[in-house]
N, C-alpha and C. Protein backbone atom coordinates (compact mmCIF):
# COMPACT_ATOMS: atom_id res chain seq x y z
N MET A 1 3.23 -7.63 -21.53
CA MET A 1 2.99 -8.90 -20.71
C MET A 1 3.28 -9.90 -20.90
N SER A 2 3.44 -11.14 -19.99
CA SER A 2 3.50 -12.37 -19.90
C SER A 2 2.70 -13.14 -20.53
N ASP A 3 2.80 -14.12 -20.84
CA ASP A 3 1.41 -15.02 -21.14
C ASP A 3 -0.22 -14.82 -20.51
N GLU A 4 0.33 -15.07 -19.16
CA GLU A 4 -0.70 -14.84 -18.12
C GLU A 4 -0.94 -13.60 -17.58
N GLY A 5 -0.31 -12.69 -18.76
CA GLY A 5 -0.15 -10.97 -18.33
C GLY A 5 -2.18 -10.59 -17.87
N PRO A 6 -2.69 -10.68 -19.26
CA PRO A 6 -4.16 -10.56 -19.28
C PRO A 6 -4.94 -10.42 -17.92
N GLU A 7 -4.61 -11.69 -17.08
CA GLU A 7 -5.25 -11.97 -15.58
C GLU A 7 -4.39 -10.59 -14.95
N LYS A 8 -3.06 -9.49 -15.41
CA LYS A 8 -3.10 -8.54 -14.54
C LYS A 8 -4.37 -7.33 -14.99
N LYS A 9 -4.66 -7.87 -16.75
CA LYS A 9 -5.22 -6.55 -17.09
C LYS A 9 -6.69 -7.05 -17.32
N PRO A 10 -7.38 -6.82 -16.47
CA PRO A 10 -8.66 -7.91 -16.62
C PRO A 10 -9.75 -6.89 -17.05
N ASN A 11 -9.38 -5.62 -17.72
CA ASN A 11 -10.15 -4.91 -18.18
C ASN A 11 -9.84 -4.91 -19.72
N ALA A 12 -8.50 -5.11 -20.09
CA ALA A 12 -8.23 -5.49 -21.94
C ALA A 12 -8.77 -6.25 -22.62
N ASP A 13 -9.89 -7.03 -22.56
CA ASP A 13 -11.24 -7.11 -23.53
C ASP A 13 -12.32 -6.53 -23.58
N LEU A 14 -12.47 -5.59 -22.27
CA LEU A 14 -13.88 -4.87 -22.11
C LEU A 14 -14.10 -4.18 -23.86
N TRP A 15 -13.37 -3.29 -24.00
CA TRP A 15 -13.62 -2.15 -25.04
C TRP A 15 -13.28 -2.66 -26.64
N ASP A 16 -14.50 -3.77 -26.80
CA ASP A 16 -15.01 -4.45 -28.17
C ASP A 16 -16.30 -3.77 -28.28
N PHE A 17 -15.95 -2.87 -29.20
CA PHE A 17 -16.81 -1.29 -29.42
C PHE A 17 -18.39 -2.16 -30.87
N ASP A 18 -17.75 -3.64 -31.20
CA ASP A 18 -18.87 -3.97 -31.90
C ASP A 18 -19.92 -4.54 -30.91
N GLU A 19 -19.56 -4.78 -29.75
CA GLU A 19 -20.81 -5.26 -28.56
C GLU A 19 -21.61 -4.37 -28.86
N ASP A 20 -23.22 -4.60 -27.83
CA ASP A 20 -24.03 -3.20 -27.96
C ASP A 20 -23.59 -2.64 -26.56
N GLU A 21 -23.54 -1.66 -26.50
CA GLU A 21 -22.66 -0.34 -25.14
C GLU A 21 -23.22 -0.87 -23.86
N GLU A 22 -24.86 -1.62 -24.06
CA GLU A 22 -25.19 -1.64 -22.70
C GLU A 22 -24.20 -3.56 -21.85
N GLU A 23 -23.88 -3.97 -22.92
CA GLU A 23 -23.26 -5.30 -22.40
C GLU A 23 -21.99 -4.86 -22.20
N ILE A 24 -21.29 -3.42 -22.92
CA ILE A 24 -19.81 -3.85 -22.32
C ILE A 24 -20.11 -2.53 -20.74
N ILE A 25 -21.49 -2.51 -20.53
CA ILE A 25 -21.20 -1.63 -19.51
C ILE A 25 -21.32 -2.42 -18.29
N ALA A 26 -22.59 -3.44 -18.93
CA ALA A 26 -22.67 -4.70 -18.03
C ALA A 26 -20.76 -5.41 -17.28
N ALA A 27 -20.29 -5.73 -18.20
CA ALA A 27 -19.15 -6.40 -18.72
C ALA A 27 -18.48 -5.64 -17.28
N LEU A 28 -18.49 -4.15 -17.83
CA LEU A 28 -17.32 -3.63 -17.20
C LEU A 28 -18.13 -3.25 -15.34
N GLU A 29 -19.19 -3.64 -15.15
CA GLU A 29 -19.76 -3.47 -13.62
C GLU A 29 -19.94 -4.28 -12.71
N ALA A 30 -19.69 -5.90 -13.44
CA ALA A 30 -19.25 -6.98 -13.11
C ALA A 30 -17.85 -7.25 -13.17
N GLU A 31 -16.79 -6.80 -13.65
CA GLU A 31 -15.52 -6.45 -13.51
C GLU A 31 -15.55 -6.23 -12.39
N GLU A 32 -15.75 -5.05 -11.79
CA GLU A 32 -15.88 -3.82 -10.79
C GLU A 32 -16.38 -4.83 -9.52
N GLU A 33 -17.45 -5.29 -9.67
CA GLU A 33 -17.81 -6.07 -8.49
C GLU A 33 -16.92 -6.99 -8.44
N ALA A 34 -16.32 -7.95 -9.23
CA ALA A 34 -15.83 -9.30 -8.96
C ALA A 34 -14.11 -8.71 -8.36
N ALA A 35 -13.83 -7.64 -8.80
CA ALA A 35 -12.69 -6.97 -7.81
C ALA A 35 -12.44 -6.95 -6.66
N ALA A 36 -14.04 -6.18 -6.20
CA ALA A 36 -14.52 -5.61 -4.85
C ALA A 36 -14.45 -6.70 -4.27
N GLU A 37 -14.95 -8.07 -4.28
CA GLU A 37 -15.67 -8.98 -3.57
C GLU A 37 -13.59 -9.77 -3.49
N LEU A 38 -12.99 -9.48 -4.74
CA LEU A 38 -11.77 -9.93 -4.33
C LEU A 38 -10.79 -9.27 -3.43
N LEU A 39 -10.98 -8.06 -3.10
CA LEU A 39 -10.32 -6.98 -2.03
C LEU A 39 -10.82 -7.47 -0.78
N ARG A 40 -12.16 -7.53 -0.79
CA ARG A 40 -12.62 -7.93 0.57
C ARG A 40 -12.45 -9.70 1.12
N GLU A 41 -12.32 -10.52 -0.10
CA GLU A 41 -11.31 -11.69 0.60
C GLU A 41 -10.26 -11.62 1.18
N ALA A 42 -9.24 -10.65 0.31
CA ALA A 42 -7.69 -10.79 0.32
C ALA A 42 -7.26 -9.74 1.71
N LEU A 43 -8.67 -9.34 2.70
CA LEU A 43 -8.15 -8.52 3.26
C LEU A 43 -9.45 -8.56 4.57
N PRO A 44 -9.58 -9.82 4.54
CA PRO A 44 -11.15 -9.90 5.70
C PRO A 44 -10.28 -9.28 7.26
N GLU A 45 -9.33 -9.45 7.37
CA GLU A 45 -8.97 -8.65 8.64
C GLU A 45 -9.01 -7.19 9.08
N LEU A 46 -9.36 -6.97 7.96
CA LEU A 46 -9.76 -4.96 8.13
C LEU A 46 -10.51 -4.34 7.50
N ARG A 47 -11.60 -5.52 7.53
CA ARG A 47 -13.05 -5.16 7.55
C ARG A 47 -13.92 -5.15 9.05
N GLY A 48 -14.70 -3.64 8.52
CA GLY A 48 -15.34 -3.45 10.26
C GLY A 48 -14.46 -3.08 11.24
N VAL A 49 -13.43 -2.36 11.06
CA VAL A 49 -12.57 -1.83 11.38
C VAL A 49 -12.66 -0.29 11.56
N GLU A 50 -12.18 0.75 12.79
CA GLU A 50 -12.88 1.92 12.65
C GLU A 50 -11.63 2.55 11.78
N PRO A 51 -12.06 3.90 11.32
CA PRO A 51 -10.96 4.68 10.85
C PRO A 51 -9.83 4.99 12.21
N PRO A 52 -8.70 5.38 11.94
CA PRO A 52 -8.01 6.18 12.95
C PRO A 52 -8.61 7.45 13.04
N TYR A 53 -9.27 7.60 14.09
CA TYR A 53 -10.02 9.26 13.68
C TYR A 53 -9.66 10.52 14.27
N ALA A 54 -8.06 10.85 14.60
CA ALA A 54 -7.16 11.19 14.78
C ALA A 54 -6.90 12.11 13.11
N GLU A 55 -6.35 10.39 12.84
CA GLU A 55 -5.51 10.86 11.37
C GLU A 55 -6.86 11.19 10.37
N LEU A 56 -8.12 10.95 10.46
CA LEU A 56 -8.83 11.11 9.47
C LEU A 56 -9.31 12.61 9.62
N GLY A 57 -9.50 13.22 10.51
CA GLY A 57 -9.87 14.43 10.61
C GLY A 57 -8.69 15.21 10.56
N ALA A 58 -7.80 14.95 10.69
CA ALA A 58 -6.75 15.95 10.40
C ALA A 58 -6.06 16.13 8.72
N ALA A 59 -6.70 14.62 7.97
CA ALA A 59 -6.60 14.87 6.95
C ALA A 59 -7.85 15.40 5.94
N SER A 60 -8.70 15.15 6.82
CA SER A 60 -10.33 15.70 6.04
C SER A 60 -10.02 17.41 6.06
N GLU A 61 -9.12 17.77 6.95
CA GLU A 61 -9.19 19.33 7.26
C GLU A 61 -8.46 19.54 5.89
N ARG A 62 -7.37 19.36 5.75
CA ARG A 62 -6.49 19.70 5.31
C ARG A 62 -7.00 19.39 3.90
N LEU A 63 -7.59 18.59 3.33
CA LEU A 63 -8.13 18.25 1.92
C LEU A 63 -9.53 19.41 1.55
N ARG A 64 -10.08 19.57 2.91
CA ARG A 64 -11.12 20.95 2.33
C ARG A 64 -10.52 22.21 2.25
N ALA A 65 -9.29 22.54 2.78
CA ALA A 65 -8.55 23.40 2.93
C ALA A 65 -7.92 23.68 1.50
N GLY A 66 -7.26 22.46 1.41
CA GLY A 66 -6.75 22.55 -0.16
C GLY A 66 -7.54 22.21 -1.30
N ILE A 67 -8.63 22.07 -1.48
CA ILE A 67 -9.50 21.66 -2.61
C ILE A 67 -10.58 23.30 -2.30
N THR A 68 -10.89 23.65 -1.79
CA THR A 68 -11.20 25.34 -1.69
C THR A 68 -10.62 26.13 -2.19
N SER A 69 -8.87 26.05 -1.44
CA SER A 69 -8.12 26.89 -2.39
C SER A 69 -7.49 26.40 -3.86
N GLY A 70 -7.68 25.71 -4.19
CA GLY A 70 -7.70 25.08 -5.40
C GLY A 70 -6.24 24.62 -5.78
N GLY A 71 -5.60 24.64 -5.04
CA GLY A 71 -3.78 24.00 -5.33
C GLY A 71 -3.92 22.74 -5.53
N TRP A 72 -2.93 22.76 -6.06
CA TRP A 72 -2.15 21.27 -6.74
C TRP A 72 -1.80 20.47 -5.42
N PRO A 73 -2.37 19.30 -5.52
CA PRO A 73 -2.81 18.44 -6.88
C PRO A 73 -4.45 18.53 -6.14
N TYR A 74 -5.07 19.29 -5.06
CA TYR A 74 -6.19 19.51 -4.71
C TYR A 74 -7.38 19.37 -5.80
N GLU A 75 -6.76 20.48 -6.87
CA GLU A 75 -7.92 20.49 -7.97
C GLU A 75 -7.87 18.90 -8.55
N HIS A 76 -7.14 18.73 -8.70
CA HIS A 76 -7.22 17.21 -9.83
C HIS A 76 -8.01 16.26 -8.72
N VAL A 77 -7.71 16.30 -7.52
CA VAL A 77 -8.60 15.51 -6.32
C VAL A 77 -9.71 15.31 -6.39
N ALA A 78 -10.15 16.52 -6.28
CA ALA A 78 -11.42 17.08 -6.21
C ALA A 78 -12.47 16.66 -7.96
N LEU A 79 -12.04 16.94 -9.09
CA LEU A 79 -12.26 16.87 -10.20
C LEU A 79 -12.35 15.28 -10.75
N ALA A 80 -11.32 14.46 -10.07
CA ALA A 80 -11.27 13.04 -9.86
C ALA A 80 -12.58 12.42 -9.45
N ALA A 81 -13.05 12.80 -8.11
CA ALA A 81 -14.04 12.59 -7.50
C ALA A 81 -15.11 13.12 -7.57
N GLY A 82 -15.60 13.87 -9.03
CA GLY A 82 -16.96 14.51 -9.34
C GLY A 82 -17.36 15.57 -8.61
N TRP A 83 -16.33 16.43 -7.59
CA TRP A 83 -17.01 17.26 -6.72
C TRP A 83 -16.55 19.06 -7.30
N GLU A 84 -17.53 19.72 -6.53
CA GLU A 84 -17.16 20.99 -6.77
C GLU A 84 -16.83 21.29 -5.29
N ALA A 85 -15.72 22.61 -5.31
CA ALA A 85 -14.89 23.04 -4.26
C ALA A 85 -15.68 23.35 -3.40
N ARG A 86 -17.20 24.15 -3.60
CA ARG A 86 -18.10 24.60 -2.68
C ARG A 86 -19.07 23.58 -1.79
N ASP A 87 -19.10 22.25 -2.90
CA ASP A 87 -19.85 21.23 -2.22
C ASP A 87 -18.87 19.92 -2.00
N LEU A 88 -18.53 20.01 -0.85
CA LEU A 88 -17.71 18.96 -0.68
C LEU A 88 -18.50 18.35 0.54
N PRO A 89 -18.44 16.77 -0.07
CA PRO A 89 -18.85 15.70 0.90
C PRO A 89 -19.18 16.56 2.54
N ALA A 90 -19.84 16.45 3.38
CA ALA A 90 -19.78 16.97 4.63
C ALA A 90 -19.10 15.40 5.50
N ASP A 91 -18.81 14.43 5.43
CA ASP A 91 -18.74 13.32 6.36
C ASP A 91 -17.10 13.32 5.91
N ASP A 92 -16.90 12.94 6.78
CA ASP A 92 -14.87 13.08 6.83
C ASP A 92 -14.57 11.87 6.10
N VAL A 93 -15.44 10.29 6.20
CA VAL A 93 -14.98 9.15 5.57
C VAL A 93 -15.34 9.23 4.15
N GLU A 94 -16.32 9.91 3.88
CA GLU A 94 -16.89 10.40 1.94
C GLU A 94 -15.87 11.07 1.64
N LEU A 95 -15.39 12.01 2.22
CA LEU A 95 -14.00 12.81 1.61
C LEU A 95 -13.34 12.10 1.58
N TRP A 96 -12.97 11.36 1.98
CA TRP A 96 -11.29 10.69 2.64
C TRP A 96 -11.69 9.73 1.52
N LEU A 97 -12.56 8.83 1.20
CA LEU A 97 -12.25 7.68 0.14
C LEU A 97 -12.63 8.55 -1.20
N GLY A 98 -13.28 9.78 -1.59
CA GLY A 98 -13.64 10.36 -2.74
C GLY A 98 -11.54 10.82 -3.21
N ALA A 99 -11.30 11.67 -2.32
CA ALA A 99 -10.25 11.94 -2.20
C ALA A 99 -9.17 10.64 -2.66
N ALA A 100 -8.88 9.80 -2.19
CA ALA A 100 -7.66 8.68 -2.06
C ALA A 100 -8.47 7.58 -3.41
N GLY A 101 -9.39 7.61 -4.03
CA GLY A 101 -10.14 6.77 -4.63
C GLY A 101 -10.65 7.60 -6.27
N GLY A 102 -10.15 8.60 -5.86
CA GLY A 102 -11.07 9.10 -7.11
C GLY A 102 -10.47 8.97 -8.49
N MET A 103 -9.39 8.95 -8.49
CA MET A 103 -8.02 8.64 -9.61
C MET A 103 -8.38 7.32 -9.99
N VAL A 104 -9.18 5.96 -9.17
CA VAL A 104 -8.84 4.91 -9.67
C VAL A 104 -9.85 4.52 -10.71
N SER A 105 -11.15 5.93 -10.50
CA SER A 105 -12.54 5.10 -11.65
C SER A 105 -12.44 6.83 -11.49
N PRO A 106 -12.04 7.88 -12.30
CA PRO A 106 -12.46 8.97 -12.71
C PRO A 106 -13.91 9.47 -12.63
N ARG A 107 -14.85 10.37 -11.58
CA ARG A 107 -16.29 10.41 -11.93
C ARG A 107 -16.13 11.45 -13.41
N GLN A 108 -14.85 12.57 -13.85
CA GLN A 108 -15.12 12.90 -14.49
C GLN A 108 -13.82 13.84 -15.38
N ASP A 109 -13.21 14.35 -16.35
CA ASP A 109 -12.16 15.02 -16.32
C ASP A 109 -11.17 15.30 -15.51
N MET A 110 -9.92 14.78 -14.95
CA MET A 110 -9.48 15.03 -14.11
C MET A 110 -8.43 16.90 -14.08
N GLY A 111 -8.46 17.02 -15.05
CA GLY A 111 -7.81 18.65 -15.67
C GLY A 111 -6.74 18.25 -15.66
N MET A 112 -6.21 17.22 -15.85
CA MET A 112 -4.41 17.16 -16.50
C MET A 112 -4.17 16.70 -17.88
N ASP A 113 -2.88 17.03 -18.12
CA ASP A 113 -2.41 16.68 -19.33
C ASP A 113 -2.94 15.32 -19.80
N LEU A 114 -3.53 15.58 -21.42
CA LEU A 114 -4.23 14.27 -22.04
C LEU A 114 -3.54 13.14 -22.02
N GLU A 115 -2.13 12.50 -21.84
CA GLU A 115 -1.26 11.86 -21.48
C GLU A 115 -0.99 11.35 -20.41
N GLU A 116 -1.12 12.92 -19.42
CA GLU A 116 -1.17 11.21 -18.23
C GLU A 116 -2.43 11.59 -17.19
N GLU A 117 -3.48 11.90 -17.83
CA GLU A 117 -4.91 11.07 -17.44
C GLU A 117 -4.84 9.80 -18.71
N ALA A 118 -4.59 9.69 -20.00
CA ALA A 118 -4.36 8.46 -20.39
C ALA A 118 -3.84 7.53 -19.50
N ALA A 119 -2.39 7.95 -19.35
CA ALA A 119 -1.34 6.84 -18.31
C ALA A 119 -2.35 6.43 -16.95
N ILE A 120 -2.72 7.29 -16.50
CA ILE A 120 -3.47 6.81 -15.37
C ILE A 120 -5.04 5.87 -15.11
N MET A 121 -5.71 6.08 -16.46
CA MET A 121 -6.50 5.46 -17.24
C MET A 121 -5.88 3.80 -17.07
N SER A 122 -4.66 3.86 -17.97
CA SER A 122 -4.16 2.34 -18.02
C SER A 122 -3.73 1.51 -17.55
N LEU A 123 -4.10 2.12 -15.81
CA LEU A 123 -3.90 1.12 -14.66
C LEU A 123 -5.21 0.36 -14.37
N GLU A 124 -5.29 -1.07 -14.73
CA GLU A 124 -6.22 -1.76 -15.05
C GLU A 124 -6.72 -2.40 -13.04
N HIS A 125 -7.71 -3.10 -13.05
CA HIS A 125 -8.49 -4.00 -11.88
C HIS A 125 -7.32 -4.24 -11.25
N GLY A 126 -6.40 -5.26 -12.34
CA GLY A 126 -5.06 -5.87 -11.60
C GLY A 126 -4.00 -5.59 -10.47
N ASP A 127 -3.83 -4.06 -11.49
CA ASP A 127 -2.53 -3.37 -10.65
C ASP A 127 -3.24 -2.41 -10.27
N TRP A 128 -4.47 -2.25 -9.42
CA TRP A 128 -5.07 -1.39 -8.40
C TRP A 128 -5.24 -2.21 -7.05
N LEU A 129 -5.56 -3.83 -7.64
CA LEU A 129 -5.62 -4.88 -6.56
C LEU A 129 -4.18 -5.19 -6.26
N GLY A 130 -3.45 -6.07 -6.74
CA GLY A 130 -1.63 -6.27 -6.77
C GLY A 130 -1.21 -5.36 -5.70
N ALA A 131 -0.84 -3.42 -5.97
CA ALA A 131 -0.32 -3.01 -5.75
C ALA A 131 -0.83 -2.37 -3.98
N VAL A 132 -2.22 -1.97 -3.97
CA VAL A 132 -3.05 -2.50 -3.08
C VAL A 132 -3.07 -3.12 -1.76
N ILE A 133 -3.26 -4.45 -2.53
CA ILE A 133 -3.60 -5.33 -1.23
C ILE A 133 -2.17 -6.23 -0.81
N GLU A 134 -1.26 -5.70 -1.61
CA GLU A 134 0.82 -5.67 -0.89
C GLU A 134 1.18 -4.49 -0.55
N LEU A 135 0.82 -3.43 -0.46
CA LEU A 135 1.09 -2.41 0.41
C LEU A 135 0.16 -2.80 1.52
N VAL A 136 -0.99 -2.83 1.61
CA VAL A 136 -1.45 -2.95 3.16
C VAL A 136 -1.16 -4.18 4.08
N ARG A 137 -0.55 -5.38 3.41
CA ARG A 137 -0.05 -6.40 3.59
C ARG A 137 1.22 -6.04 4.26
N ALA A 138 2.00 -5.18 3.76
CA ALA A 138 3.31 -4.89 4.18
C ALA A 138 3.53 -4.04 5.07
N GLY A 139 2.48 -3.22 5.76
CA GLY A 139 1.92 -2.68 6.60
C GLY A 139 2.22 -1.15 7.21
N VAL A 140 1.82 -0.47 7.96
CA VAL A 140 2.62 0.61 8.30
C VAL A 140 3.95 0.99 8.10
N GLY A 141 4.40 1.97 7.35
CA GLY A 141 5.83 2.53 7.06
C GLY A 141 5.86 1.47 5.60
N ALA A 142 5.42 0.82 5.11
CA ALA A 142 5.91 0.29 3.50
C ALA A 142 6.14 1.10 2.85
N THR A 143 6.91 1.08 2.39
CA THR A 143 7.25 2.44 1.08
C THR A 143 6.02 2.00 -0.43
N ALA A 144 5.81 2.94 -0.99
CA ALA A 144 4.73 3.12 -1.99
C ALA A 144 5.19 3.74 -2.94
N SER A 145 6.59 3.48 -3.30
CA SER A 145 7.23 4.06 -4.35
C SER A 145 7.08 3.38 -5.90
N PRO A 146 6.33 3.85 -6.84
CA PRO A 146 5.82 3.63 -7.81
C PRO A 146 6.61 2.23 -8.89
N GLU A 147 8.18 2.07 -7.88
CA GLU A 147 8.85 1.10 -8.31
C GLU A 147 8.29 -0.46 -7.37
N LYS A 148 8.13 -0.10 -5.82
CA LYS A 148 7.80 -1.14 -5.12
C LYS A 148 6.50 -1.57 -5.44
N LEU A 149 5.38 -0.19 -5.92
CA LEU A 149 3.46 -0.79 -6.10
C LEU A 149 3.78 -2.09 -7.28
N VAL A 150 5.10 -1.30 -8.64
CA VAL A 150 5.19 -2.46 -9.29
C VAL A 150 5.34 -4.03 -8.97
N SER A 151 6.47 -4.04 -7.92
CA SER A 151 6.81 -5.56 -7.77
C SER A 151 5.59 -6.11 -6.70
N TYR A 152 4.20 -5.07 -6.33
CA TYR A 152 3.53 -5.51 -5.45
C TYR A 152 2.75 -6.56 -6.15
N ILE A 153 2.06 -5.96 -7.38
CA ILE A 153 1.44 -6.13 -8.40
C ILE A 153 2.40 -7.57 -8.95
N ASN A 154 3.77 -7.83 -8.69
CA ASN A 154 3.85 -8.94 -9.53
C ASN A 154 3.95 -9.95 -8.45
N ASP A 155 3.97 -9.04 -7.00
CA ASP A 155 3.65 -10.98 -5.86
C ASP A 155 2.58 -11.11 -5.41
N SER A 156 1.87 -10.47 -5.77
CA SER A 156 0.35 -10.76 -5.12
C SER A 156 -0.48 -11.90 -5.82
N PRO A 157 -0.40 -12.74 -5.11
CA PRO A 157 -1.11 -14.70 -5.51
C PRO A 157 -2.36 -13.75 -5.77
N GLU A 158 -3.21 -12.84 -5.66
CA GLU A 158 -4.21 -12.41 -6.08
C GLU A 158 -4.45 -12.08 -7.75
N VAL A 159 -3.57 -11.81 -8.00
CA VAL A 159 -3.66 -11.80 -9.74
C VAL A 159 -2.28 -13.11 -10.29
N GLU A 160 -2.68 -13.34 -10.99
CA GLU A 160 -2.20 -13.78 -12.05
C GLU A 160 -1.17 -13.24 -13.16
N GLY A 161 -0.19 -14.10 -13.08
CA GLY A 161 0.63 -13.75 -14.19
C GLY A 161 1.84 -11.82 -13.44
N VAL A 162 2.79 -11.92 -14.71
CA VAL A 162 3.60 -10.67 -14.11
C VAL A 162 3.63 -9.69 -14.95
N ILE A 163 3.52 -8.41 -14.53
CA ILE A 163 4.03 -7.79 -15.59
C ILE A 163 5.01 -7.79 -16.71
N ASP A 164 4.55 -7.44 -18.17
CA ASP A 164 5.62 -7.36 -18.97
C ASP A 164 6.51 -6.62 -18.82
N PRO A 165 7.96 -6.83 -18.96
CA PRO A 165 9.00 -5.31 -19.05
C PRO A 165 8.55 -4.19 -19.98
N ASP A 166 8.03 -4.66 -20.60
CA ASP A 166 7.89 -3.31 -21.48
C ASP A 166 6.78 -2.39 -20.70
N ASP A 167 5.73 -3.00 -20.28
CA ASP A 167 5.09 -2.16 -19.59
C ASP A 167 5.08 -1.81 -18.57
N GLU A 168 6.30 -1.90 -17.52
CA GLU A 168 6.42 -1.18 -16.29
C GLU A 168 7.04 0.28 -16.16
N ALA A 169 7.52 0.89 -17.12
CA ALA A 169 7.62 1.70 -17.26
C ALA A 169 6.16 3.10 -17.46
N LEU A 170 5.40 2.31 -17.86
CA LEU A 170 4.40 3.27 -18.04
C LEU A 170 3.24 3.25 -16.60
N ILE A 171 2.94 1.60 -16.08
CA ILE A 171 2.84 1.94 -14.81
C ILE A 171 3.14 2.26 -13.71
N ARG A 172 5.27 2.63 -13.90
CA ARG A 172 5.63 2.98 -12.60
C ARG A 172 5.32 4.92 -12.82
N THR A 173 4.63 5.40 -14.16
CA THR A 173 4.51 6.96 -14.56
C THR A 173 3.22 7.17 -13.89
N SER A 174 2.37 5.94 -14.18
CA SER A 174 0.94 5.71 -13.93
C SER A 174 0.59 6.19 -12.28
N PHE A 175 1.50 5.18 -11.67
CA PHE A 175 1.55 5.46 -9.90
C PHE A 175 2.06 6.77 -9.77
N GLU A 176 2.82 6.93 -10.14
CA GLU A 176 3.66 8.29 -9.82
C GLU A 176 2.52 9.65 -10.10
N LEU A 177 1.81 9.72 -10.92
CA LEU A 177 0.70 10.69 -11.08
C LEU A 177 -0.13 10.41 -9.99
N VAL A 178 -0.45 9.66 -9.61
CA VAL A 178 -1.45 8.97 -8.71
C VAL A 178 -1.30 9.72 -7.07
N LEU A 179 0.13 9.15 -7.26
CA LEU A 179 1.26 9.41 -5.52
C LEU A 179 0.85 10.86 -4.83
N PRO A 180 0.41 11.52 -5.92
CA PRO A 180 0.09 12.90 -4.67
C PRO A 180 -1.17 13.10 -4.36
N ALA A 181 -1.95 12.18 -5.50
CA ALA A 181 -3.53 12.22 -4.44
C ALA A 181 -3.10 11.50 -3.25
N TRP A 182 -2.89 10.33 -2.60
CA TRP A 182 -2.92 9.52 -1.84
C TRP A 182 -1.36 10.45 -0.94
N GLU A 183 -0.34 11.25 -1.24
CA GLU A 183 -0.40 12.06 -0.20
C GLU A 183 -1.49 13.54 0.43
N SER A 184 -1.87 14.15 -0.19
CA SER A 184 -2.76 15.24 -0.22
C SER A 184 -3.80 14.67 1.03
N ALA A 185 -4.20 13.22 0.56
CA ALA A 185 -4.93 12.30 1.54
C ALA A 185 -4.62 11.85 2.90
N GLY A 186 -3.18 11.39 2.60
CA GLY A 186 -2.90 11.21 4.06
C GLY A 186 -2.79 9.63 4.22
N ALA A 187 -2.75 9.27 2.58
CA ALA A 187 -3.11 8.00 2.62
C ALA A 187 -0.88 7.63 2.94
N VAL A 188 -0.33 8.17 2.32
CA VAL A 188 1.17 7.88 2.26
C VAL A 188 2.10 9.20 2.85
N ASP A 189 2.82 9.03 3.83
CA ASP A 189 3.50 9.93 3.95
C ASP A 189 4.56 11.23 2.89
N ASP A 190 4.92 11.89 3.37
CA ASP A 190 5.97 12.96 2.39
C ASP A 190 7.27 12.05 1.77
N ARG A 191 7.58 10.66 2.80
CA ARG A 191 8.24 9.98 1.87
C ARG A 191 7.61 8.81 1.55
N ARG A 192 6.44 8.64 1.22
CA ARG A 192 5.63 8.00 0.29
C ARG A 192 5.75 6.18 1.59
N ARG A 193 6.03 6.94 2.59
CA ARG A 193 5.34 5.70 3.30
C ARG A 193 4.18 5.59 3.59
N LEU A 194 3.53 4.04 3.78
CA LEU A 194 1.91 4.05 4.16
C LEU A 194 1.48 4.35 4.81
N THR A 195 0.70 4.90 5.44
CA THR A 195 0.48 5.42 6.95
C THR A 195 -0.94 4.52 7.51
N ALA A 196 -1.31 4.94 8.89
CA ALA A 196 -1.91 3.97 9.47
C ALA A 196 -3.70 4.37 8.69
N LEU A 197 -3.81 5.44 8.69
CA LEU A 197 -5.06 5.82 8.18
C LEU A 197 -5.14 5.30 6.64
N GLY A 198 -3.70 5.49 5.50
CA GLY A 198 -3.58 4.55 4.30
C GLY A 198 -4.22 3.11 4.89
N ARG A 199 -4.04 2.63 5.36
CA ARG A 199 -3.61 1.11 5.75
C ARG A 199 -5.42 0.85 6.02
N TRP A 200 -5.77 1.86 6.97
CA TRP A 200 -6.88 1.36 7.06
C TRP A 200 -7.92 1.82 5.39
N GLY A 201 -7.67 2.46 4.89
CA GLY A 201 -8.41 3.34 3.81
C GLY A 201 -8.11 2.53 2.24
N LEU A 202 -6.97 2.60 1.89
CA LEU A 202 -7.33 2.68 0.75
C LEU A 202 -7.88 1.47 0.03
N PRO A 203 -7.84 0.15 0.87
CA PRO A 203 -8.88 -1.11 0.55
C PRO A 203 -10.27 -0.05 0.27
N ARG A 204 -10.76 0.84 1.13
CA ARG A 204 -11.66 1.49 0.87
C ARG A 204 -12.11 2.59 -0.69
N ALA A 205 -10.92 2.45 -0.10
CA ALA A 205 -11.06 4.39 -1.56
C ALA A 205 -11.23 3.12 -3.03
N LEU A 206 -10.60 1.77 -3.12
CA LEU A 206 -10.88 1.29 -4.19
C LEU A 206 -12.22 0.89 -4.07
N ALA A 207 -12.75 0.59 -3.51
CA ALA A 207 -13.88 -0.31 -3.16
C ALA A 207 -15.04 0.74 -3.43
N TRP A 208 -15.04 1.68 -3.16
CA TRP A 208 -15.83 3.43 -3.40
C TRP A 208 -15.56 3.36 -5.01
N ALA A 209 -14.37 3.76 -5.17
CA ALA A 209 -13.97 3.80 -7.24
C ALA A 209 -14.85 2.57 -7.81
N TRP A 210 -15.00 1.90 -7.03
CA TRP A 210 -15.76 0.81 -8.17
C TRP A 210 -17.33 0.45 -7.52
N ASP A 211 -17.77 1.67 -6.85
CA ASP A 211 -19.13 1.89 -6.41
C ASP A 211 -19.50 0.80 -5.58
N HIS A 212 -18.30 0.09 -4.84
CA HIS A 212 -19.05 -1.14 -3.53
C HIS A 212 -17.99 -0.43 -2.19
N ASP A 213 -18.98 -1.37 -1.26
CA ASP A 213 -18.96 -1.38 0.19
C ASP A 213 -17.44 -2.27 0.64
N PHE A 214 -15.98 -2.06 0.89
CA PHE A 214 -15.43 -2.66 1.85
C PHE A 214 -16.41 -3.33 2.78
N ASP A 215 -16.71 -2.87 3.58
CA ASP A 215 -17.31 -3.31 4.38
C ASP A 215 -18.26 -4.26 4.74
N ALA A 216 -19.55 -4.00 3.83
CA ALA A 216 -20.05 -4.72 3.24
C ALA A 216 -20.28 -6.48 3.27
N GLU A 217 -21.31 -6.85 3.81
CA GLU A 217 -21.61 -8.16 3.70
C GLU A 217 -21.77 -8.95 2.28
């Protein structure tokens, strides 16, 4: 990272285990609350907007079928969201948000290789914010390749500094692992371009992952 790089990795100083565990948890919760508020402030035009219901319904049907069958990447999607295949949310919005947002803050072990899970967990609030905010601003059809997501993080005015070139390969790998989940949810298409459903839903999925509501006042 650059000298300002820690702003891109806002969790970097949280894991000081000399602190009391409750203080660490409180610090993380405050970090998530601040990140959710920044997300709302960055994309006010999307708040209160209804989802594209046809796309949401089709995506939810695919998700239910995929998770029930246990095929890749649906098994990891369900585990990340903390679901059992036989006990999925009945509400399409809740299902979709968990599928798209589960890997942002996994509720349990995702059933992936340890190195893969560690790579995903290396993404911090600033990375998610920069990537999603700028992808959504770029609009439907915008490229969501790992390389482009890294450039979005660097370009986002909501987070300071730029990614250290030595960290770029890990961040690209991390997003490469996340993108199949986004594709399974219909947030991006099979060419990794942002869909209308993804534009509506990815900010909400981030807020869901941090236990917040993007549309809340």
